[in-house]
C-alpha atoms as a PDB file:
ATOM      1  CA  MET A   1      10.141   8.595  -5.907  1.00  0.00           C
ATOM      2  CA  LYS A   2      11.079   5.016  -6.734  1.00  0.00           C
ATOM      3  CA  LEU A   3       8.898   2.786  -4.587  1.00  0.00           C
ATOM      4  CA  ILE A   4       8.973  -1.000  -4.172  1.00  0.00           C
ATOM      5  CA  SER A   5       5.996  -2.855  -2.723  1.00  0.00           C
ATOM      6  CA  TYR A   6       6.570  -6.464  -1.704  1.00  0.00           C
ATOM      7  CA  ASN A   7       4.586  -9.107   0.175  1.00  0.00           C
ATOM      8  CA  LEU A   8       7.318 -11.196   1.800  1.00  0.00           C
ATOM      9  CA  GLU A   9       5.052 -14.247   2.330  1.00  0.00           C
ATOM     10  CA  LYS A  10       5.494 -14.777   6.048  1.00  0.00           C
ATOM     11  CA  HIS A  11       8.948 -13.117   5.957  1.00  0.00           C
ATOM     12  CA  ARG A  12      10.363 -15.734   3.544  1.00  0.00           C
ATOM     13  CA  ALA A  13      11.697 -13.104   1.111  1.00  0.00           C
ATOM     14  CA  ALA A  14      13.167 -10.721   3.702  1.00  0.00           C
ATOM     15  CA  GLY A  15      16.702 -11.598   2.656  1.00  0.00           C
ATOM     16  CA  GLU A  16      16.035 -10.226  -0.850  1.00  0.00           C
ATOM     17  CA  LEU A  17      15.365  -6.648   0.237  1.00  0.00           C
ATOM     18  CA  ILE A  18      18.954  -5.406   0.233  1.00  0.00           C
ATOM     19  CA  GLU A  19      19.563  -6.554  -3.344  1.00  0.00           C
ATOM     20  CA  LEU A  20      16.202  -5.176  -4.477  1.00  0.00           C
ATOM     21  CA  VAL A  21      17.068  -1.711  -3.175  1.00  0.00           C
ATOM     22  CA  ARG A  22      20.592  -1.912  -4.562  1.00  0.00           C
ATOM     23  CA  SER A  23      19.565  -3.047  -8.045  1.00  0.00           C
ATOM     24  CA  THR A  24      16.625  -0.661  -8.501  1.00  0.00           C
ATOM     25  CA  GLY A  25      17.811   2.464  -6.684  1.00  0.00           C
ATOM     26  CA  ALA A  26      14.549   2.501  -4.728  1.00  0.00           C
ATOM     27  CA  THR A  27      13.969   5.474  -2.427  1.00  0.00           C
ATOM     28  CA  ALA A  28      11.135   3.828  -0.466  1.00  0.00           C
ATOM     29  CA  LEU A  29       9.773   0.376   0.423  1.00  0.00           C
ATOM     30  CA  CYS A  30       6.281  -0.732   1.411  1.00  0.00           C
ATOM     31  CA  ILE A  31       6.373  -4.235   2.902  1.00  0.00           C
ATOM     32  CA  GLN A  32       3.665  -6.712   3.837  1.00  0.00           C
ATOM     33  CA  GLU A  33       3.799 -10.021   5.768  1.00  0.00           C
ATOM     34  CA  ALA A  34       7.014  -9.259   7.623  1.00  0.00           C
ATOM     35  CA  ARG A  35       8.176 -10.300  11.062  1.00  0.00           C
ATOM     36  CA  THR A  36       8.753  -6.694  11.956  1.00  0.00           C
ATOM     37  CA  LYS A  37      10.975  -7.332  14.988  1.00  0.00           C
ATOM     38  CA  GLU A  38      13.462  -9.052  12.683  1.00  0.00           C
ATOM     39  CA  LEU A  39      13.690  -6.245  10.126  1.00  0.00           C
ATOM     40  CA  PRO A  40      16.962  -4.276  10.046  1.00  0.00           C
ATOM     41  CA  SER A  41      16.888  -0.594  10.965  1.00  0.00           C
ATOM     42  CA  SER A  42      18.374   0.295   7.570  1.00  0.00           C
ATOM     43  CA  LEU A  43      18.635  -1.205   4.073  1.00  0.00           C
ATOM     44  CA  GLU A  44      21.164   0.183   1.590  1.00  0.00           C
ATOM     45  CA  GLY A  45      20.725   3.707   2.937  1.00  0.00           C
ATOM     46  CA  LEU A  46      16.957   3.490   3.501  1.00  0.00           C
ATOM     47  CA  GLN A  47      15.800   3.835   7.104  1.00  0.00           C
ATOM     48  CA  LEU A  48      13.008   1.883   8.759  1.00  0.00           C
ATOM     49  CA  LEU A  49      10.384   4.596   9.325  1.00  0.00           C
ATOM     50  CA  THR A  50       7.571   2.659  10.993  1.00  0.00           C
ATOM     51  CA  VAL A  51       6.129  -0.834  11.520  1.00  0.00           C
ATOM     52  CA  THR A  52       2.960  -2.446  12.815  1.00  0.00           C
ATOM     53  CA  PRO A  53       3.998  -3.671  16.287  1.00  0.00           C
ATOM     54  CA  ASN A  54       1.220  -6.183  16.974  1.00  0.00           C
ATOM     55  CA  ASN A  55       0.723  -7.959  13.647  1.00  0.00           C
ATOM     56  CA  ARG A  56       1.817 -11.568  13.323  1.00  0.00           C
ATOM     57  CA  LEU A  57       2.295 -10.729   9.631  1.00  0.00           C
ATOM     58  CA  GLY A  58       3.323  -7.099   9.812  1.00  0.00           C
ATOM     59  CA  LEU A  59       3.607  -4.030   7.625  1.00  0.00           C
ATOM     60  CA  ALA A  60       6.680  -1.814   7.359  1.00  0.00           C
ATOM     61  CA  ILE A  61       7.845   1.283   5.486  1.00  0.00           C
ATOM     62  CA  TYR A  62      11.429   2.258   4.666  1.00  0.00           C
ATOM     63  CA  GLY A  63      12.435   5.627   3.241  1.00  0.00           C
ATOM     64  CA  ASP A  64      15.361   7.799   2.226  1.00  0.00           C
ATOM     65  CA  THR A  65      15.742  10.092   5.235  1.00  0.00           C
ATOM     66  CA  GLU A  66      18.417  12.186   3.530  1.00  0.00           C
ATOM     67  CA  ARG A  67      15.739  13.301   1.088  1.00  0.00           C
ATOM     68  CA  TYR A  68      12.584  12.991   3.220  1.00  0.00           C
ATOM     69  CA  GLU A  69      11.879  14.068   6.781  1.00  0.00           C
ATOM     70  CA  LEU A  70       9.407  11.919   8.739  1.00  0.00           C
ATOM     71  CA  VAL A  71       6.597  14.196   9.954  1.00  0.00           C
ATOM     72  CA  ASP A  72       4.083  11.657  11.269  1.00  0.00           C
ATOM     73  CA  SER A  73       3.128   7.988  11.118  1.00  0.00           C
ATOM     74  CA  PHE A  74      -0.146   6.134  11.558  1.00  0.00           C
ATOM     75  CA  ARG A  75      -1.749   2.698  11.452  1.00  0.00           C
ATOM     76  CA  ARG A  76      -5.364   1.625  11.133  1.00  0.00           C
ATOM     77  CA  SER A  77      -7.524  -1.408  11.906  1.00  0.00           C
ATOM     78  CA  PHE A  78     -10.738  -2.292  10.080  1.00  0.00           C
ATOM     79  CA  GLN A  79     -13.755  -4.507  10.603  1.00  0.00           C
ATOM     80  CA  LYS A  80     -12.353  -8.012  10.882  1.00  0.00           C
ATOM     81  CA  SER A  81     -13.146 -10.707   8.345  1.00  0.00           C
ATOM     82  CA  LEU A  82     -13.770 -14.321   9.391  1.00  0.00           C
ATOM     83  CA  HIS A  83     -10.156 -15.114   8.448  1.00  0.00           C
ATOM     84  CA  ASP A  84      -8.889 -12.291  10.649  1.00  0.00           C
ATOM     85  CA  ARG A  85     -10.930 -13.507  13.621  1.00  0.00           C
ATOM     86  CA  ILE A  86      -9.787 -17.129  13.281  1.00  0.00           C
ATOM     87  CA  ALA A  87      -6.159 -16.847  12.115  1.00  0.00           C
ATOM     88  CA  ALA A  88      -5.386 -13.419  13.653  1.00  0.00           C
ATOM     89  CA  PRO A  89      -2.680 -12.510  11.104  1.00  0.00           C
ATOM     90  CA  ALA A  90      -3.022  -8.750  11.341  1.00  0.00           C
ATOM     91  CA  GLU A  91      -4.300  -6.222  13.853  1.00  0.00           C
ATOM     92  CA  HIS A  92      -3.569  -3.370  11.430  1.00  0.00           C
ATOM     93  CA  ARG A  93      -3.988  -3.549   7.652  1.00  0.00           C
ATOM     94  CA  LEU A  94      -2.886   0.010   6.900  1.00  0.00           C
ATOM     95  CA  LEU A  95       0.405   1.636   7.814  1.00  0.00           C
ATOM     96  CA  GLY A  96       1.438   5.088   6.663  1.00  0.00           C
ATOM     97  CA  VAL A  97       3.845   7.988   6.988  1.00  0.00           C
ATOM     98  CA  VAL A  98       3.689  11.685   6.206  1.00  0.00           C
ATOM     99  CA  LEU A  99       6.955  12.846   4.635  1.00  0.00           C
ATOM    100  CA  ARG A 100       8.370  16.307   3.979  1.00  0.00           C
ATOM    101  CA  ASP A 101      10.788  16.789   1.097  1.00  0.00           C
ATOM    102  CA  ARG A 102      13.860  18.385   2.662  1.00  0.00           C
ATOM    103  CA  GLU A 103      14.544  20.469  -0.433  1.00  0.00           C
ATOM    104  CA  THR A 104      11.087  21.624  -1.528  1.00  0.00           C
ATOM    105  CA  ARG A 105       9.419  21.389   1.937  1.00  0.00           C
ATOM    106  CA  GLU A 106       6.387  19.778   0.293  1.00  0.00           C
ATOM    107  CA  LEU A 107       4.417  17.068   2.104  1.00  0.00           C
ATOM    108  CA  SER A 108       3.416  13.684   0.719  1.00  0.00           C
ATOM    109  CA  THR A 109       1.873  10.553   2.224  1.00  0.00           C
ATOM    110  CA  LEU A 110       3.113   7.006   1.714  1.00  0.00           C
ATOM    111  CA  ALA A 111       1.156   3.956   2.875  1.00  0.00           C
ATOM    112  CA  SER A 112       1.521   0.180   2.908  1.00  0.00           C
ATOM    113  CA  PHE A 113      -1.784  -1.712   2.625  1.00  0.00           C
ATOM    114  CA  HIS A 114      -2.679  -5.396   3.010  1.00  0.00           C
ATOM    115  CA  GLY A 115      -6.245  -6.363   2.155  1.00  0.00           C
ATOM    116  CA  SER A 116      -8.039  -9.320   3.686  1.00  0.00           C
ATOM    117  CA  PRO A 117      -7.455 -12.630   1.855  1.00  0.00           C
ATOM    118  CA  LEU A 118      -9.658 -14.199  -0.813  1.00  0.00           C
ATOM    119  CA  THR A 119     -11.826 -15.875   1.829  1.00  0.00           C
ATOM    120  CA  SER A 120     -13.355 -12.410   2.288  1.00  0.00           C
ATOM    121  CA  SER A 121     -15.621 -10.753  -0.254  1.00  0.00           C
ATOM    122  CA  ASN A 122     -14.497  -8.126  -2.749  1.00  0.00           C
ATOM    123  CA  GLY A 123     -16.957  -5.811  -1.047  1.00  0.00           C
ATOM    124  CA  HIS A 124     -15.160  -6.241   2.276  1.00  0.00           C
ATOM    125  CA  ARG A 125     -11.789  -5.441   0.712  1.00  0.00           C
ATOM    126  CA  ARG A 126     -13.278  -2.517  -1.215  1.00  0.00           C
ATOM    127  CA  ARG A 127     -14.445  -0.990   2.066  1.00  0.00           C
ATOM    128  CA  GLN A 128     -10.966  -1.503   3.524  1.00  0.00           C
ATOM    129  CA  ILE A 129      -9.393   0.297   0.572  1.00  0.00           C
ATOM    130  CA  ILE A 130     -11.798   3.228   0.691  1.00  0.00           C
ATOM    131  CA  GLU A 131     -11.609   3.553   4.473  1.00  0.00           C
ATOM    132  CA  SER A 132      -7.805   3.521   4.189  1.00  0.00           C
ATOM    133  CA  LEU A 133      -7.894   6.436   1.762  1.00  0.00           C
ATOM    134  CA  MET A 134     -10.305   8.340   3.979  1.00  0.00           C
ATOM    135  CA  ALA A 135      -8.020   7.821   6.985  1.00  0.00           C
ATOM    136  CA  ILE A 136      -5.049   9.110   4.994  1.00  0.00           C
ATOM    137  CA  GLU A 137      -6.987  12.176   3.821  1.00  0.00           C
ATOM    138  CA  GLU A 138      -8.030  13.016   7.375  1.00  0.00           C
ATOM    139  CA  LEU A 139      -4.420  12.940   8.562  1.00  0.00           C
ATOM    140  CA  ALA A 140      -2.883  14.858   5.629  1.00  0.00           C
ATOM    141  CA  PRO A 141      -5.801  16.300   3.632  1.00  0.00           C
ATOM    142  CA  ARG A 142      -3.800  18.291   1.103  1.00  0.00           C
ATOM    143  CA  ALA A 143      -0.837  15.980   0.613  1.00  0.00           C
ATOM    144  CA  PRO A 144      -0.369  13.852  -2.512  1.00  0.00           C
ATOM    145  CA  LEU A 145      -0.415  10.167  -1.656  1.00  0.00           C
ATOM    146  CA  LEU A 146       0.820   6.753  -2.724  1.00  0.00           C
ATOM    147  CA  MET A 147      -0.753   3.635  -1.206  1.00  0.00           C
ATOM    148  CA  ALA A 148       0.882   0.407  -2.364  1.00  0.00           C
ATOM    149  CA  GLY A 149       0.485  -3.161  -1.260  1.00  0.00           C
ATOM    150  CA  ASP A 150      -1.208  -6.521  -1.531  1.00  0.00           C
ATOM    151  CA  TYR A 151      -4.834  -5.688  -2.314  1.00  0.00           C
ATOM    152  CA  ASN A 152      -5.891  -9.347  -2.768  1.00  0.00           C
ATOM    153  CA  TYR A 153      -8.212  -8.155  -5.549  1.00  0.00           C
ATOM    154  CA  PRO A 154      -7.485 -10.276  -8.663  1.00  0.00           C
ATOM    155  CA  ILE A 155     -10.956 -10.089 -10.255  1.00  0.00           C
ATOM    156  CA  PHE A 156     -13.331  -7.198 -11.012  1.00  0.00           C
ATOM    157  CA  ARG A 157     -10.397  -4.785 -10.979  1.00  0.00           C
ATOM    158  CA  ARG A 158     -12.120  -2.508 -13.468  1.00  0.00           C
ATOM    159  CA  GLY A 159     -14.979  -1.959 -11.051  1.00  0.00           C
ATOM    160  CA  LEU A 160     -12.570  -1.051  -8.269  1.00  0.00           C
ATOM    161  CA  SER A 161     -10.656   1.238 -10.626  1.00  0.00           C
ATOM    162  CA  LYS A 162     -13.862   3.076 -11.578  1.00  0.00           C
ATOM    163  CA  THR A 163     -14.934   3.431  -7.936  1.00  0.00           C
ATOM    164  CA  LEU A 164     -11.614   5.018  -7.036  1.00  0.00           C
ATOM    165  CA  SER A 165     -11.480   7.124 -10.188  1.00  0.00           C
ATOM    166  CA  ASP A 166     -14.907   8.574  -9.356  1.00  0.00           C
ATOM    167  CA  SER A 167     -13.424   9.669  -6.019  1.00  0.00           C
ATOM    168  CA  GLY A 168     -10.376  11.310  -7.613  1.00  0.00           C
ATOM    169  CA  TYR A 169      -7.815   8.520  -7.244  1.00  0.00           C
ATOM    170  CA  GLU A 170      -5.863   6.533  -9.794  1.00  0.00           C
ATOM    171  CA  LEU A 171      -5.509   2.754  -9.470  1.00  0.00           C
ATOM    172  CA  SER A 172      -2.406   1.374 -11.195  1.00  0.00           C
ATOM    173  CA  PHE A 173      -1.396  -2.197 -12.024  1.00  0.00           C
ATOM    174  CA  SER A 174       1.983  -3.516 -13.060  1.00  0.00           C
ATOM    175  CA  ASP A 175       2.810  -4.794 -16.531  1.00  0.00           C
ATOM    176  CA  VAL A 176       2.408  -8.511 -15.687  1.00  0.00           C
ATOM    177  CA  GLY A 177       0.772 -10.482 -12.874  1.00  0.00           C
ATOM    178  CA  THR A 178       2.262 -10.439  -9.387  1.00  0.00           C
ATOM    179  CA  TYR A 179       0.978 -13.706  -7.900  1.00  0.00           C
ATOM    180  CA  GLU A 180       1.169 -17.288  -9.050  1.00  0.00           C
ATOM    181  CA  ARG A 181       0.400 -20.233  -6.820  1.00  0.00           C
ATOM    182  CA  SER A 182      -1.387 -23.465  -7.709  1.00  0.00           C
ATOM    183  CA  LEU A 183      -4.489 -22.464  -9.700  1.00  0.00           C
ATOM    184  CA  VAL A 184      -4.585 -18.890  -8.393  1.00  0.00           C
ATOM    185  CA  ARG A 185      -2.691 -16.232 -10.321  1.00  0.00           C
ATOM    186  CA  GLY A 186      -2.978 -12.663 -11.530  1.00  0.00           C
ATOM    187  CA  HIS A 187      -2.535  -9.095 -10.321  1.00  0.00           C
ATOM    188  CA  PHE A 188      -2.743  -8.882  -6.533  1.00  0.00           C
ATOM    189  CA  ASP A 189      -0.357  -6.006  -5.801  1.00  0.00           C
ATOM    190  CA  PHE A 190      -1.615  -2.532  -6.745  1.00  0.00           C
ATOM    191  CA  LEU A 191      -0.957   1.161  -6.321  1.00  0.00           C
ATOM    192  CA  THR A 192      -3.499   3.855  -5.493  1.00  0.00           C
ATOM    193  CA  SER A 193      -2.340   7.425  -5.998  1.00  0.00           C
ATOM    194  CA  ARG A 194      -3.452  11.037  -5.988  1.00  0.00           C
ATOM    195  CA  GLY A 195      -1.281  14.013  -6.738  1.00  0.00           C
ATOM    196  CA  PHE A 196       1.462  11.918  -8.352  1.00  0.00           C
ATOM    197  CA  ALA A 197       2.172  11.339 -12.037  1.00  0.00           C
ATOM    198  CA  ILE A 198       2.838   7.600 -12.330  1.00  0.00           C
ATOM    199  CA  GLY A 199       5.636   6.982 -14.799  1.00  0.00           C
ATOM    200  CA  SER A 200       5.640   3.178 -14.641  1.00  0.00           C
ATOM    201  CA  VAL A 201       4.645   0.182 -12.525  1.00  0.00           C
ATOM    202  CA  ARG A 202       6.765  -2.887 -13.260  1.00  0.00           C
ATOM    203  CA  THR A 203       6.628  -6.418 -11.918  1.00  0.00           C
ATOM    204  CA  LEU A 204      10.081  -7.567 -10.867  1.00  0.00           C
ATOM    205  CA  ALA A 205      11.574 -11.051 -10.953  1.00  0.00           C
ATOM    206  CA  LYS A 206      10.087 -13.715  -8.715  1.00  0.00           C
ATOM    207  CA  GLY A 207      11.981 -14.535  -5.548  1.00  0.00           C
ATOM    208  CA  SER A 208      11.207 -16.642  -2.480  1.00  0.00           C
ATOM    209  CA  SER A 209       7.739 -15.175  -1.962  1.00  0.00           C
ATOM    210  CA  ASP A 210       4.544 -16.285  -3.674  1.00  0.00           C
ATOM    211  CA  HIS A 211       4.187 -12.607  -4.662  1.00  0.00           C
ATOM    212  CA  ARG A 212       6.491 -10.756  -7.016  1.00  0.00           C
ATOM    213  CA  PRO A 213       7.594  -7.247  -6.007  1.00  0.00           C
ATOM    214  CA  ILE A 214       6.467  -4.230  -7.995  1.00  0.00           C
ATOM    215  CA  LEU A 215       8.578  -1.154  -8.757  1.00  0.00           C
ATOM    216  CA  ILE A 216       6.776   2.170  -9.042  1.00  0.00           C
ATOM    217  CA  GLU A 217       8.226   5.368 -10.476  1.00  0.00           C
ATOM    218  CA  ALA A 218       6.212   8.447  -9.516  1.00  0.00           C
ATOM    219  CA  GLU A 219       6.640  12.208  -9.602  1.00  0.00           C
ATOM    220  CA  ARG A 220       4.764  14.616  -7.381  1.00  0.00           C
ATOM    221  CA  ARG A 221       2.260  16.982  -8.952  1.00  0.00           C
ATOM    222  CA  VAL A 222      -0.395  19.414  -7.699  1.00  0.00           C
ATOM    223  CA  ALA A 223      -2.970  17.728  -5.453  1.00  0.00           C
ATOM    224  CA  ALA A 224      -6.728  17.866  -5.986  1.00  0.00           C
ATOM    225  CA  SER A 225      -9.317  19.113  -3.521  1.00  0.00           C
ATOM    226  CA  ALA A 226      -9.117  16.720  -0.569  1.00  0.00           C
ATOM    227  CA  GLU A 227     -12.416  17.847   0.957  1.00  0.00           C
ATOM    228  CA  LEU A 228     -14.305  16.812  -2.184  1.00  0.00           C
ATOM    229  CA  LEU A 229     -12.480  13.474  -2.304  1.00  0.00           C
ATOM    230  CA  VAL A 230     -13.330  12.626   1.301  1.00  0.00           C
ATOM    231  CA  ARG A 231     -17.018  13.403   0.723  1.00  0.00           C
ATOM    232  CA  THR A 232     -17.077  11.310  -2.444  1.00  0.00           C
ATOM    233  CA  ALA A 233     -15.262   8.422  -0.750  1.00  0.00           C
ATOM    234  CA  GLN A 234     -17.711   8.488   2.178  1.00  0.00           C
ATOM    235  CA  SER A 235     -20.614   8.338  -0.287  1.00  0.00           C
ATOM    236  CA  THR A 236     -19.004   5.327  -1.960  1.00  0.00           C
ATOM    237  CA  VAL A 237     -18.618   3.515   1.384  1.00  0.00           C
ATOM    238  CA  ASP A 238     -22.269   4.185   2.266  1.00  0.00           C
ATOM    239  CA  GLU A 239     -23.414   2.961  -1.143  1.00  0.00           C
ATOM    240  CA  SER A 240     -21.282  -0.193  -0.886  1.00  0.00           C
ATOM    241  CA  GLU A 241     -22.652  -1.042   2.545  1.00  0.00           C
ATOM    242  CA  SER A 242     -26.234  -0.455   1.355  1.00  0.00           C
ATOM    243  CA  VAL A 243     -25.780  -2.819  -1.628  1.00  0.00           C
ATOM    244  CA  GLU A 244     -24.278  -5.575   0.554  1.00  0.00           C
ATOM    245  CA  ARG A 245     -27.061  -5.303   3.106  1.00  0.00           C
END
């Protein structure tokens, strides 16, 4: 799978999607901060699989339906941060699909994630990430997964990486930073995976958005025990909440 994840910055970079798919040969797209009602139903052969209907800044997923069959889709809300309550940018911060490979008949899960902004704590975003993974595991417990998006997590990435690694997931960053605005810059756009061998994660050229898109190349491999991962992830959430209290 060749996957692009891109925060469109309030839909500003929507016009770049066709060329991105064309130039990279992407087979899937995970999008954040889109005006979902204005998205086309197809992009260079990729079909719009699902969107968040109620977000002001929405999530969307495109996929190659000649290769993948859409089995199910889902979206999730989380405990709202102060920014979410005041600005109301997003009812759902996780959007996902379960796909079946038409040739091999194997299932995989693809998700687009948008963490709360930097006005929230890292702990709040960490809970969102872990709860997202738990929700995915409950829906498709044995399916390899890719969750890409704007994690809004530019500092203490090693701690997040270790937390996820302890639960059986791999956190991947692109080769160079993905965000640069005023004094804030760094890696904001990540990939979490399980059951996929990640070949590369590359930051692409900057466009109209304050984020740069990332291109992920991944190959499916045998999945780990989902039951163990869910238990470990739940323990991590409980521990995180205990520390913050």
